[in-house]
Amino acid sequence: MTALDIFVLISGTFSVLSVLPLMYLAVRSVRDAKDLRRIQYEITGLVTEAKEISEEVHALQREIQSDQRDAKTDGEHTRRTVERVSETVDQVSSAVENVNEVVTAEATAPHRGGSR
């Protein structure tokens, strides 16, 4: 065996041994790429779901705002109705007081016609 043969044998062995870690890294990279792709699909699904939820929340907010406007309008209508009822009650109360005063005055006043 010559020195050249020994050199070729050692360098070939070294080359084969140095390829093993590179093969391990290549296989590991393929696995990582598959995992990354799966994670990307999951993230895409989550983003889509978040967008749908956001749209639902937006629709609910619009509905709540509409309900609030309706409630405010109904509240104002109720307030006006209560004010009208209150004014009517005050007028009726005043009228009843006037009638009571008239009845009391007539009851305490002497009869003018005399008895027959």
PDB file of N, CA and C in Angstrom:
ATOM      1  N   MET A   1       0.819  -1.176   0.000  1.00  0.00           N
ATOM      2  CA  MET A   1       0.000   0.000   0.000  1.00  0.00           C
ATOM      3  C   MET A   1       0.866   1.243   0.000  1.00  0.00           C
ATOM      4  N   THR A   2       0.503   2.097  -0.844  1.00  0.00           N
ATOM      5  CA  THR A   2       1.286   3.314  -0.979  1.00  0.00           C
ATOM      6  C   THR A   2       0.668   4.407  -0.134  1.00  0.00           C
ATOM      7  N   ALA A   3       1.401   5.447   0.007  1.00  0.00           N
ATOM      8  CA  ALA A   3       0.930   6.597   0.793  1.00  0.00           C
ATOM      9  C   ALA A   3      -0.299   7.206   0.134  1.00  0.00           C
ATOM     10  N   LEU A   4      -0.353   7.159  -1.164  1.00  0.00           N
ATOM     11  CA  LEU A   4      -1.495   7.710  -1.879  1.00  0.00           C
ATOM     12  C   LEU A   4      -2.745   6.892  -1.582  1.00  0.00           C
ATOM     13  N   ASP A   5      -2.609   5.570  -1.544  1.00  0.00           N
ATOM     14  CA  ASP A   5      -3.757   4.717  -1.228  1.00  0.00           C
ATOM     15  C   ASP A   5      -4.251   4.981   0.198  1.00  0.00           C
ATOM     16  N   ILE A   6      -3.327   5.146   1.120  1.00  0.00           N
ATOM     17  CA  ILE A   6      -3.711   5.427   2.504  1.00  0.00           C
ATOM     18  C   ILE A   6      -4.404   6.789   2.586  1.00  0.00           C
ATOM     19  N   PHE A   7      -3.879   7.733   1.870  1.00  0.00           N
ATOM     20  CA  PHE A   7      -4.498   9.070   1.856  1.00  0.00           C
ATOM     21  C   PHE A   7      -5.913   9.004   1.303  1.00  0.00           C
ATOM     22  N   VAL A   8      -6.115   8.276   0.196  1.00  0.00           N
ATOM     23  CA  VAL A   8      -7.434   8.153  -0.421  1.00  0.00           C
ATOM     24  C   VAL A   8      -8.379   7.433   0.528  1.00  0.00           C
ATOM     25  N   LEU A   9      -7.900   6.402   1.192  1.00  0.00           N
ATOM     26  CA  LEU A   9      -8.728   5.656   2.130  1.00  0.00           C
ATOM     27  C   LEU A   9      -9.149   6.539   3.308  1.00  0.00           C
ATOM     28  N   ILE A  10      -8.234   7.284   3.866  1.00  0.00           N
ATOM     29  CA  ILE A  10      -8.536   8.161   5.019  1.00  0.00           C
ATOM     30  C   ILE A  10      -9.468   9.293   4.586  1.00  0.00           C
ATOM     31  N   SER A  11      -9.173   9.929   3.458  1.00  0.00           N
ATOM     32  CA  SER A  11     -10.031  11.036   3.016  1.00  0.00           C
ATOM     33  C   SER A  11     -11.418  10.538   2.639  1.00  0.00           C
ATOM     34  N   GLY A  12     -11.541   9.352   2.047  1.00  0.00           N
ATOM     35  CA  GLY A  12     -12.847   8.773   1.703  1.00  0.00           C
ATOM     36  C   GLY A  12     -13.645   8.474   2.960  1.00  0.00           C
ATOM     37  N   THR A  13     -12.958   7.878   3.956  1.00  0.00           N
ATOM     38  CA  THR A  13     -13.621   7.572   5.229  1.00  0.00           C
ATOM     39  C   THR A  13     -14.088   8.866   5.895  1.00  0.00           C
ATOM     40  N   PHE A  14     -13.228   9.852   5.898  1.00  0.00           N
ATOM     41  CA  PHE A  14     -13.580  11.142   6.490  1.00  0.00           C
ATOM     42  C   PHE A  14     -14.773  11.766   5.760  1.00  0.00           C
ATOM     43  N   SER A  15     -14.791  11.669   4.438  1.00  0.00           N
ATOM     44  CA  SER A  15     -15.888  12.226   3.641  1.00  0.00           C
ATOM     45  C   SER A  15     -17.199  11.522   3.974  1.00  0.00           C
ATOM     46  N   VAL A  16     -17.172  10.203   4.065  1.00  0.00           N
ATOM     47  CA  VAL A  16     -18.382   9.441   4.379  1.00  0.00           C
ATOM     48  C   VAL A  16     -18.868   9.808   5.771  1.00  0.00           C
ATOM     49  N   LEU A  17     -17.953   9.891   6.732  1.00  0.00           N
ATOM     50  CA  LEU A  17     -18.330  10.226   8.099  1.00  0.00           C
ATOM     51  C   LEU A  17     -18.853  11.664   8.211  1.00  0.00           C
ATOM     52  N   SER A  18     -18.335  12.563   7.422  1.00  0.00           N
ATOM     53  CA  SER A  18     -18.807  13.952   7.492  1.00  0.00           C
ATOM     54  C   SER A  18     -20.175  14.120   6.831  1.00  0.00           C
ATOM     55  N   VAL A  19     -20.563  13.180   5.944  1.00  0.00           N
ATOM     56  CA  VAL A  19     -21.860  13.257   5.291  1.00  0.00           C
ATOM     57  C   VAL A  19     -22.974  12.834   6.252  1.00  0.00           C
ATOM     58  N   LEU A  20     -22.678  11.959   7.209  1.00  0.00           N
ATOM     59  CA  LEU A  20     -23.693  11.473   8.138  1.00  0.00           C
ATOM     60  C   LEU A  20     -24.372  12.614   8.906  1.00  0.00           C
ATOM     61  N   PRO A  21     -23.662  13.554   9.518  1.00  0.00           N
ATOM     62  CA  PRO A  21     -24.353  14.658  10.185  1.00  0.00           C
ATOM     63  C   PRO A  21     -25.159  15.512   9.205  1.00  0.00           C
ATOM     64  N   LEU A  22     -24.653  15.658   7.999  1.00  0.00           N
ATOM     65  CA  LEU A  22     -25.395  16.428   7.002  1.00  0.00           C
ATOM     66  C   LEU A  22     -26.693  15.724   6.631  1.00  0.00           C
ATOM     67  N   MET A  23     -26.673  14.407   6.547  1.00  0.00           N
ATOM     68  CA  MET A  23     -27.895  13.660   6.252  1.00  0.00           C
ATOM     69  C   MET A  23     -28.879  13.805   7.419  1.00  0.00           C
ATOM     70  N   TYR A  24     -28.364  13.728   8.651  1.00  0.00           N
ATOM     71  CA  TYR A  24     -29.221  13.908   9.819  1.00  0.00           C
ATOM     72  C   TYR A  24     -29.873  15.293   9.773  1.00  0.00           C
ATOM     73  N   LEU A  25     -29.099  16.316   9.457  1.00  0.00           N
ATOM     74  CA  LEU A  25     -29.631  17.672   9.376  1.00  0.00           C
ATOM     75  C   LEU A  25     -30.666  17.800   8.259  1.00  0.00           C
ATOM     76  N   ALA A  26     -30.450  17.126   7.140  1.00  0.00           N
ATOM     77  CA  ALA A  26     -31.403  17.187   6.033  1.00  0.00           C
ATOM     78  C   ALA A  26     -32.725  16.529   6.438  1.00  0.00           C
ATOM     79  N   VAL A  27     -32.659  15.353   7.073  1.00  0.00           N
ATOM     80  CA  VAL A  27     -33.872  14.666   7.512  1.00  0.00           C
ATOM     81  C   VAL A  27     -34.591  15.524   8.549  1.00  0.00           C
ATOM     82  N   ARG A  28     -33.841  16.095   9.477  1.00  0.00           N
ATOM     83  CA  ARG A  28     -34.426  16.952  10.513  1.00  0.00           C
ATOM     84  C   ARG A  28     -35.084  18.184   9.889  1.00  0.00           C
ATOM     85  N   SER A  29     -34.470  18.749   8.866  1.00  0.00           N
ATOM     86  CA  SER A  29     -35.038  19.916   8.179  1.00  0.00           C
ATOM     87  C   SER A  29     -36.362  19.577   7.511  1.00  0.00           C
ATOM     88  N   VAL A  30     -36.450  18.384   6.918  1.00  0.00           N
ATOM     89  CA  VAL A  30     -37.694  17.966   6.278  1.00  0.00           C
ATOM     90  C   VAL A  30     -38.796  17.840   7.334  1.00  0.00           C
ATOM     91  N   ARG A  31     -38.479  17.232   8.479  1.00  0.00           N
ATOM     92  CA  ARG A  31     -39.470  17.121   9.561  1.00  0.00           C
ATOM     93  C   ARG A  31     -39.902  18.504  10.058  1.00  0.00           C
ATOM     94  N   ASP A  32     -38.930  19.381  10.248  1.00  0.00           N
ATOM     95  CA  ASP A  32     -39.247  20.735  10.712  1.00  0.00           C
ATOM     96  C   ASP A  32     -40.114  21.480   9.698  1.00  0.00           C
ATOM     97  N   ALA A  33     -39.830  21.270   8.416  1.00  0.00           N
ATOM     98  CA  ALA A  33     -40.628  21.925   7.374  1.00  0.00           C
ATOM     99  C   ALA A  33     -42.074  21.427   7.413  1.00  0.00           C
ATOM    100  N   LYS A  34     -42.260  20.119   7.634  1.00  0.00           N
ATOM    101  CA  LYS A  34     -43.610  19.564   7.737  1.00  0.00           C
ATOM    102  C   LYS A  34     -44.332  20.154   8.956  1.00  0.00           C
ATOM    103  N   ASP A  35     -43.626  20.227  10.079  1.00  0.00           N
ATOM    104  CA  ASP A  35     -44.214  20.819  11.286  1.00  0.00           C
ATOM    105  C   ASP A  35     -44.563  22.286  11.068  1.00  0.00           C
ATOM    106  N   LEU A  36     -43.658  22.993  10.406  1.00  0.00           N
ATOM    107  CA  LEU A  36     -43.902  24.405  10.128  1.00  0.00           C
ATOM    108  C   LEU A  36     -45.118  24.578   9.223  1.00  0.00           C
ATOM    109  N   ARG A  37     -45.257  23.744   8.225  1.00  0.00           N
ATOM    110  CA  ARG A  37     -46.406  23.816   7.325  1.00  0.00           C
ATOM    111  C   ARG A  37     -47.698  23.548   8.106  1.00  0.00           C
ATOM    112  N   ARG A  38     -47.681  22.548   8.990  1.00  0.00           N
ATOM    113  CA  ARG A  38     -48.861  22.252   9.818  1.00  0.00           C
ATOM    114  C   ARG A  38     -49.197  23.449  10.710  1.00  0.00           C
ATOM    115  N   ILE A  39     -48.197  24.055  11.300  1.00  0.00           N
ATOM    116  CA  ILE A  39     -48.416  25.228  12.153  1.00  0.00           C
ATOM    117  C   ILE A  39     -48.985  26.388  11.333  1.00  0.00           C
ATOM    118  N   GLN A  40     -48.473  26.560  10.117  1.00  0.00           N
ATOM    119  CA  GLN A  40     -48.993  27.618   9.250  1.00  0.00           C
ATOM    120  C   GLN A  40     -50.473  27.390   8.926  1.00  0.00           C
ATOM    121  N   TYR A  41     -50.856  26.140   8.667  1.00  0.00           N
ATOM    122  CA  TYR A  41     -52.274  25.837   8.408  1.00  0.00           C
ATOM    123  C   TYR A  41     -53.123  26.134   9.642  1.00  0.00           C
ATOM    124  N   GLU A  42     -52.607  25.772  10.806  1.00  0.00           N
ATOM    125  CA  GLU A  42     -53.343  26.046  12.042  1.00  0.00           C
ATOM    126  C   GLU A  42     -53.503  27.551  12.256  1.00  0.00           C
ATOM    127  N   ILE A  43     -52.439  28.292  12.010  1.00  0.00           N
ATOM    128  CA  ILE A  43     -52.501  29.746  12.166  1.00  0.00           C
ATOM    129  C   ILE A  43     -53.488  30.343  11.169  1.00  0.00           C
ATOM    130  N   THR A  44     -53.472  29.846   9.948  1.00  0.00           N
ATOM    131  CA  THR A  44     -54.428  30.329   8.941  1.00  0.00           C
ATOM    132  C   THR A  44     -55.857  30.074   9.408  1.00  0.00           C
ATOM    133  N   GLY A  45     -56.099  28.879   9.955  1.00  0.00           N
ATOM    134  CA  GLY A  45     -57.434  28.567  10.477  1.00  0.00           C
ATOM    135  C   GLY A  45     -57.815  29.486  11.625  1.00  0.00           C
ATOM    136  N   LEU A  46     -56.868  29.749  12.524  1.00  0.00           N
ATOM    137  CA  LEU A  46     -57.145  30.635  13.655  1.00  0.00           C
ATOM    138  C   LEU A  46     -57.415  32.061  13.193  1.00  0.00           C
ATOM    139  N   VAL A  47     -56.647  32.527  12.219  1.00  0.00           N
ATOM    140  CA  VAL A  47     -56.856  33.883  11.705  1.00  0.00           C
ATOM    141  C   VAL A  47     -58.236  33.983  11.047  1.00  0.00           C
ATOM    142  N   THR A  48     -58.594  32.962  10.285  1.00  0.00           N
ATOM    143  CA  THR A  48     -59.913  32.957   9.639  1.00  0.00           C
ATOM    144  C   THR A  48     -61.013  32.954  10.696  1.00  0.00           C
ATOM    145  N   GLU A  49     -60.841  32.124  11.717  1.00  0.00           N
ATOM    146  CA  GLU A  49     -61.825  32.059  12.799  1.00  0.00           C
ATOM    147  C   GLU A  49     -61.903  33.389  13.545  1.00  0.00           C
ATOM    148  N   ALA A  50     -60.755  34.001  13.791  1.00  0.00           N
ATOM    149  CA  ALA A  50     -60.732  35.298  14.483  1.00  0.00           C
ATOM    150  C   ALA A  50     -61.440  36.360  13.641  1.00  0.00           C
ATOM    151  N   LYS A  51     -61.254  36.312  12.333  1.00  0.00           N
ATOM    152  CA  LYS A  51     -61.927  37.268  11.454  1.00  0.00           C
ATOM    153  C   LYS A  51     -63.437  37.070  11.509  1.00  0.00           C
ATOM    154  N   GLU A  52     -63.883  35.817  11.483  1.00  0.00           N
ATOM    155  CA  GLU A  52     -65.316  35.538  11.562  1.00  0.00           C
ATOM    156  C   GLU A  52     -65.879  36.017  12.893  1.00  0.00           C
ATOM    157  N   ILE A  53     -65.147  35.761  13.971  1.00  0.00           N
ATOM    158  CA  ILE A  53     -65.597  36.206  15.294  1.00  0.00           C
ATOM    159  C   ILE A  53     -65.651  37.724  15.340  1.00  0.00           C
ATOM    160  N   SER A  54     -64.658  38.365  14.754  1.00  0.00           N
ATOM    161  CA  SER A  54     -64.625  39.830  14.711  1.00  0.00           C
ATOM    162  C   SER A  54     -65.839  40.368  13.964  1.00  0.00           C
ATOM    163  N   GLU A  55     -66.191  39.738  12.863  1.00  0.00           N
ATOM    164  CA  GLU A  55     -67.364  40.171  12.105  1.00  0.00           C
ATOM    165  C   GLU A  55     -68.645  39.975  12.914  1.00  0.00           C
ATOM    166  N   GLU A  56     -68.726  38.858  13.645  1.00  0.00           N
ATOM    167  CA  GLU A  56     -69.892  38.618  14.496  1.00  0.00           C
ATOM    168  C   GLU A  56     -69.982  39.670  15.605  1.00  0.00           C
ATOM    169  N   VAL A  57     -68.833  39.984  16.209  1.00  0.00           N
ATOM    170  CA  VAL A  57     -68.814  40.997  17.264  1.00  0.00           C
ATOM    171  C   VAL A  57     -69.242  42.340  16.697  1.00  0.00           C
ATOM    172  N   HIS A  58     -68.765  42.664  15.508  1.00  0.00           N
ATOM    173  CA  HIS A  58     -69.134  43.929  14.876  1.00  0.00           C
ATOM    174  C   HIS A  58     -70.641  43.981  14.626  1.00  0.00           C
ATOM    175  N   ALA A  59     -71.200  42.872  14.139  1.00  0.00           N
ATOM    176  CA  ALA A  59     -72.650  42.818  13.901  1.00  0.00           C
ATOM    177  C   ALA A  59     -73.414  42.970  15.214  1.00  0.00           C
ATOM    178  N   LEU A  60     -72.926  42.321  16.273  1.00  0.00           N
ATOM    179  CA  LEU A  60     -73.573  42.450  17.583  1.00  0.00           C
ATOM    180  C   LEU A  60     -73.488  43.883  18.105  1.00  0.00           C
ATOM    181  N   GLN A  61     -72.350  44.528  17.879  1.00  0.00           N
ATOM    182  CA  GLN A  61     -72.208  45.924  18.310  1.00  0.00           C
ATOM    183  C   GLN A  61     -73.200  46.819  17.575  1.00  0.00           C
ATOM    184  N   ARG A  62     -73.368  46.597  16.267  1.00  0.00           N
ATOM    185  CA  ARG A  62     -74.350  47.385  15.516  1.00  0.00           C
ATOM    186  C   ARG A  62     -75.751  47.143  16.057  1.00  0.00           C
ATOM    187  N   GLU A  63     -76.062  45.875  16.359  1.00  0.00           N
ATOM    188  CA  GLU A  63     -77.379  45.542  16.892  1.00  0.00           C
ATOM    189  C   GLU A  63     -77.594  46.192  18.263  1.00  0.00           C
ATOM    190  N   ILE A  64     -76.567  46.170  19.094  1.00  0.00           N
ATOM    191  CA  ILE A  64     -76.664  46.794  20.417  1.00  0.00           C
ATOM    192  C   ILE A  64     -76.873  48.296  20.274  1.00  0.00           C
ATOM    193  N   GLN A  65     -76.133  48.920  19.364  1.00  0.00           N
ATOM    194  CA  GLN A  65     -76.304  50.360  19.157  1.00  0.00           C
ATOM    195  C   GLN A  65     -77.711  50.680  18.677  1.00  0.00           C
ATOM    196  N   SER A  66     -78.237  49.852  17.785  1.00  0.00           N
ATOM    197  CA  SER A  66     -79.598  50.057  17.300  1.00  0.00           C
ATOM    198  C   SER A  66     -80.589  49.899  18.452  1.00  0.00           C
ATOM    199  N   ASP A  67     -80.390  48.859  19.268  1.00  0.00           N
ATOM    200  CA  ASP A  67     -81.268  48.649  20.420  1.00  0.00           C
ATOM    201  C   ASP A  67     -81.179  49.813  21.398  1.00  0.00           C
ATOM    202  N   GLN A  68     -79.965  50.356  21.577  1.00  0.00           N
ATOM    203  CA  GLN A  68     -79.798  51.496  22.478  1.00  0.00           C
ATOM    204  C   GLN A  68     -80.536  52.723  21.944  1.00  0.00           C
ATOM    205  N   ARG A  69     -80.445  52.942  20.639  1.00  0.00           N
ATOM    206  CA  ARG A  69     -81.179  54.076  20.051  1.00  0.00           C
ATOM    207  C   ARG A  69     -82.679  53.889  20.230  1.00  0.00           C
ATOM    208  N   ASP A  70     -83.155  52.654  19.984  1.00  0.00           N
ATOM    209  CA  ASP A  70     -84.578  52.370  20.167  1.00  0.00           C
ATOM    210  C   ASP A  70     -84.988  52.563  21.621  1.00  0.00           C
ATOM    211  N   ALA A  71     -84.157  52.098  22.544  1.00  0.00           N
ATOM    212  CA  ALA A  71     -84.473  52.237  23.969  1.00  0.00           C
ATOM    213  C   ALA A  71     -84.493  53.705  24.371  1.00  0.00           C
ATOM    214  N   LYS A  72     -83.569  54.486  23.813  1.00  0.00           N
ATOM    215  CA  LYS A  72     -83.535  55.916  24.124  1.00  0.00           C
ATOM    216  C   LYS A  72     -84.814  56.584  23.606  1.00  0.00           C
ATOM    217  N   THR A  73     -85.195  56.239  22.382  1.00  0.00           N
ATOM    218  CA  THR A  73     -86.425  56.802  21.813  1.00  0.00           C
ATOM    219  C   THR A  73     -87.630  56.385  22.643  1.00  0.00           C
ATOM    220  N   ASP A  74     -87.685  55.107  23.005  1.00  0.00           N
ATOM    221  CA  ASP A  74     -88.802  54.619  23.829  1.00  0.00           C
ATOM    222  C   ASP A  74     -88.792  55.303  25.192  1.00  0.00           C
ATOM    223  N   GLY A  75     -87.599  55.512  25.759  1.00  0.00           N
ATOM    224  CA  GLY A  75     -87.492  56.189  27.052  1.00  0.00           C
ATOM    225  C   GLY A  75     -87.994  57.619  26.981  1.00  0.00           C
ATOM    226  N   GLU A  76     -87.634  58.311  25.902  1.00  0.00           N
ATOM    227  CA  GLU A  76     -88.108  59.690  25.733  1.00  0.00           C
ATOM    228  C   GLU A  76     -89.627  59.717  25.555  1.00  0.00           C
ATOM    229  N   HIS A  77     -90.148  58.774  24.791  1.00  0.00           N
ATOM    230  CA  HIS A  77     -91.602  58.681  24.592  1.00  0.00           C
ATOM    231  C   HIS A  77     -92.293  58.407  25.935  1.00  0.00           C
ATOM    232  N   THR A  78     -91.731  57.499  26.723  1.00  0.00           N
ATOM    233  CA  THR A  78     -92.291  57.181  28.034  1.00  0.00           C
ATOM    234  C   THR A  78     -92.233  58.399  28.950  1.00  0.00           C
ATOM    235  N   ARG A  79     -91.120  59.134  28.919  1.00  0.00           N
ATOM    236  CA  ARG A  79     -90.983  60.333  29.749  1.00  0.00           C
ATOM    237  C   ARG A  79     -92.049  61.363  29.389  1.00  0.00           C
ATOM    238  N   ARG A  80     -92.266  61.571  28.081  1.00  0.00           N
ATOM    239  CA  ARG A  80     -93.292  62.522  27.648  1.00  0.00           C
ATOM    240  C   ARG A  80     -94.680  62.053  28.083  1.00  0.00           C
ATOM    241  N   THR A  81     -94.925  60.755  27.968  1.00  0.00           N
ATOM    242  CA  THR A  81     -96.220  60.212  28.390  1.00  0.00           C
ATOM    243  C   THR A  81     -96.416  60.412  29.892  1.00  0.00           C
ATOM    244  N   VAL A  82     -95.386  60.149  30.666  1.00  0.00           N
ATOM    245  CA  VAL A  82     -95.476  60.332  32.120  1.00  0.00           C
ATOM    246  C   VAL A  82     -95.724  61.793  32.454  1.00  0.00           C
ATOM    247  N   GLU A  83     -95.050  62.700  31.736  1.00  0.00           N
ATOM    248  CA  GLU A  83     -95.272  64.129  31.978  1.00  0.00           C
ATOM    249  C   GLU A  83     -96.724  64.506  31.674  1.00  0.00           C
ATOM    250  N   ARG A  84     -97.269  63.991  30.552  1.00  0.00           N
ATOM    251  CA  ARG A  84     -98.664  64.297  30.215  1.00  0.00           C
ATOM    252  C   ARG A  84     -99.618  63.726  31.265  1.00  0.00           C
ATOM    253  N   VAL A  85     -99.359  62.509  31.705  1.00  0.00           N
ATOM    254  CA  VAL A  85    -100.197  61.894  32.742  1.00  0.00           C
ATOM    255  C   VAL A  85    -100.098  62.699  34.029  1.00  0.00           C
ATOM    256  N   SER A  86     -98.897  63.129  34.365  1.00  0.00           N
ATOM    257  CA  SER A  86     -98.703  63.924  35.580  1.00  0.00           C
ATOM    258  C   SER A  86     -99.472  65.243  35.489  1.00  0.00           C
ATOM    259  N   GLU A  87     -99.416  65.898  34.340  1.00  0.00           N
ATOM    260  CA  GLU A  87    -100.160  67.145  34.148  1.00  0.00           C
ATOM    261  C   GLU A  87    -101.669  66.884  34.255  1.00  0.00           C
ATOM    262  N   THR A  88    -102.121  65.791  33.672  1.00  0.00           N
ATOM    263  CA  THR A  88    -103.545  65.449  33.737  1.00  0.00           C
ATOM    264  C   THR A  88    -103.963  65.165  35.174  1.00  0.00           C
ATOM    265  N   VAL A  89    -103.121  64.444  35.911  1.00  0.00           N
ATOM    266  CA  VAL A  89    -103.422  64.155  37.315  1.00  0.00           C
ATOM    267  C   VAL A  89    -103.480  65.445  38.113  1.00  0.00           C
ATOM    268  N   ASP A  90    -102.553  66.374  37.856  1.00  0.00           N
ATOM    269  CA  ASP A  90    -102.576  67.670  38.546  1.00  0.00           C
ATOM    270  C   ASP A  90    -103.875  68.417  38.228  1.00  0.00           C
ATOM    271  N   GLN A  91    -104.281  68.404  36.959  1.00  0.00           N
ATOM    272  CA  GLN A  91    -105.516  69.096  36.573  1.00  0.00           C
ATOM    273  C   GLN A  91    -106.728  68.451  37.242  1.00  0.00           C
ATOM    274  N   VAL A  92    -106.777  67.134  37.253  1.00  0.00           N
ATOM    275  CA  VAL A  92    -107.888  66.434  37.892  1.00  0.00           C
ATOM    276  C   VAL A  92    -107.881  66.710  39.391  1.00  0.00           C
ATOM    277  N   SER A  93    -106.702  66.704  39.980  1.00  0.00           N
ATOM    278  CA  SER A  93    -106.588  66.980  41.415  1.00  0.00           C
ATOM    279  C   SER A  93    -107.096  68.380  41.735  1.00  0.00           C
ATOM    280  N   SER A  94    -106.719  69.360  40.901  1.00  0.00           N
ATOM    281  CA  SER A  94    -107.195  70.730  41.102  1.00  0.00           C
ATOM    282  C   SER A  94    -108.705  70.801  40.939  1.00  0.00           C
ATOM    283  N   ALA A  95    -109.224  70.103  39.961  1.00  0.00           N
ATOM    284  CA  ALA A  95    -110.668  70.103  39.736  1.00  0.00           C
ATOM    285  C   ALA A  95    -111.391  69.471  40.913  1.00  0.00           C
ATOM    286  N   VAL A  96    -110.854  68.395  41.461  1.00  0.00           N
ATOM    287  CA  VAL A  96    -111.459  67.728  42.615  1.00  0.00           C
ATOM    288  C   VAL A  96    -111.427  68.655  43.827  1.00  0.00           C
ATOM    289  N   GLU A  97    -110.319  69.358  44.005  1.00  0.00           N
ATOM    290  CA  GLU A  97    -110.230  70.311  45.113  1.00  0.00           C
ATOM    291  C   GLU A  97    -111.277  71.407  44.963  1.00  0.00           C
ATOM    292  N   ASN A  98    -111.455  71.902  43.741  1.00  0.00           N
ATOM    293  CA  ASN A  98    -112.473  72.933  43.488  1.00  0.00           C
ATOM    294  C   ASN A  98    -113.871  72.398  43.790  1.00  0.00           C
ATOM    295  N   VAL A  99    -114.134  71.186  43.363  1.00  0.00           N
ATOM    296  CA  VAL A  99    -115.442  70.586  43.617  1.00  0.00           C
ATOM    297  C   VAL A  99    -115.642  70.400  45.117  1.00  0.00           C
ATOM    298  N   ASN A 100    -114.608  69.957  45.809  1.00  0.00           N
ATOM    299  CA  ASN A 100    -114.692  69.773  47.263  1.00  0.00           C
ATOM    300  C   ASN A 100    -114.966  71.106  47.956  1.00  0.00           C
ATOM    301  N   GLU A 101    -114.322  72.164  47.496  1.00  0.00           N
ATOM    302  CA  GLU A 101    -114.535  73.485  48.085  1.00  0.00           C
ATOM    303  C   GLU A 101    -115.977  73.940  47.863  1.00  0.00           C
ATOM    304  N   VAL A 102    -116.476  73.707  46.646  1.00  0.00           N
ATOM    305  CA  VAL A 102    -117.850  74.114  46.337  1.00  0.00           C
ATOM    306  C   VAL A 102    -118.839  73.314  47.183  1.00  0.00           C
ATOM    307  N   VAL A 103    -118.623  72.011  47.278  1.00  0.00           N
ATOM    308  CA  VAL A 103    -119.523  71.151  48.052  1.00  0.00           C
ATOM    309  C   VAL A 103    -119.473  71.540  49.525  1.00  0.00           C
ATOM    310  N   THR A 104    -118.276  71.805  50.024  1.00  0.00           N
ATOM    311  CA  THR A 104    -118.134  72.197  51.424  1.00  0.00           C
ATOM    312  C   THR A 104    -118.816  73.537  51.666  1.00  0.00           C
ATOM    313  N   ALA A 105    -118.646  74.472  50.757  1.00  0.00           N
ATOM    314  CA  ALA A 105    -119.263  75.790  50.907  1.00  0.00           C
ATOM    315  C   ALA A 105    -120.782  75.668  50.878  1.00  0.00           C
ATOM    316  N   GLU A 106    -121.324  74.858  50.004  1.00  0.00           N
ATOM    317  CA  GLU A 106    -122.774  74.691  49.926  1.00  0.00           C
ATOM    318  C   GLU A 106    -123.302  73.961  51.149  1.00  0.00           C
ATOM    319  N   ALA A 107    -122.541  73.036  51.655  1.00  0.00           N
ATOM    320  CA  ALA A 107    -123.003  72.260  52.831  1.00  0.00           C
ATOM    321  C   ALA A 107    -123.022  73.135  54.089  1.00  0.00           C
ATOM    322  N   THR A 108    -122.099  74.048  54.186  1.00  0.00           N
ATOM    323  CA  THR A 108    -122.028  74.882  55.393  1.00  0.00           C
ATOM    324  C   THR A 108    -122.870  76.141  55.264  1.00  0.00           C
ATOM    325  N   ALA A 109    -123.268  76.505  54.088  1.00  0.00           N
ATOM    326  CA  ALA A 109    -124.092  77.712  53.896  1.00  0.00           C
ATOM    327  C   ALA A 109    -125.548  77.414  54.277  1.00  0.00           C
ATOM    328  N   PRO A 110    -126.253  78.391  54.885  1.00  0.00           N
ATOM    329  CA  PRO A 110    -127.659  78.176  55.223  1.00  0.00           C
ATOM    330  C   PRO A 110    -128.495  78.108  53.967  1.00  0.00           C
ATOM    331  N   HIS A 111    -129.566  77.323  54.040  1.00  0.00           N
ATOM    332  CA  HIS A 111    -130.458  77.209  52.884  1.00  0.00           C
ATOM    333  C   HIS A 111    -131.246  78.476  52.727  1.00  0.00           C
ATOM    334  N   ARG A 112    -131.407  78.973  51.551  1.00  0.00           N
ATOM    335  CA  ARG A 112    -132.075  80.228  51.294  1.00  0.00           C
ATOM    336  C   ARG A 112    -133.542  80.040  50.978  1.00  0.00           C
ATOM    337  N   GLY A 113    -133.938  78.931  50.597  1.00  0.00           N
ATOM    338  CA  GLY A 113    -135.307  78.715  50.154  1.00  0.00           C
ATOM    339  C   GLY A 113    -136.278  78.565  51.309  1.00  0.00           C
ATOM    340  N   GLY A 114    -135.831  78.249  52.432  1.00  0.00           N
ATOM    341  CA  GLY A 114    -136.722  78.031  53.560  1.00  0.00           C
ATOM    342  C   GLY A 114    -137.516  76.757  53.373  1.00  0.00           C
ATOM    343  N   SER A 115    -138.125  76.240  54.435  1.00  0.00           N
ATOM    344  CA  SER A 115    -138.891  75.022  54.308  1.00  0.00           C
ATOM    345  C   SER A 115    -140.369  75.326  54.229  1.00  0.00           C
ATOM    346  N   ARG A 116    -141.147  74.549  53.590  1.00  0.00           N
ATOM    347  CA  ARG A 116    -142.564  74.759  53.398  1.00  0.00           C
ATOM    348  C   ARG A 116    -143.349  73.988  54.329  1.00  0.00           C
TER     349      ARG A 116
END
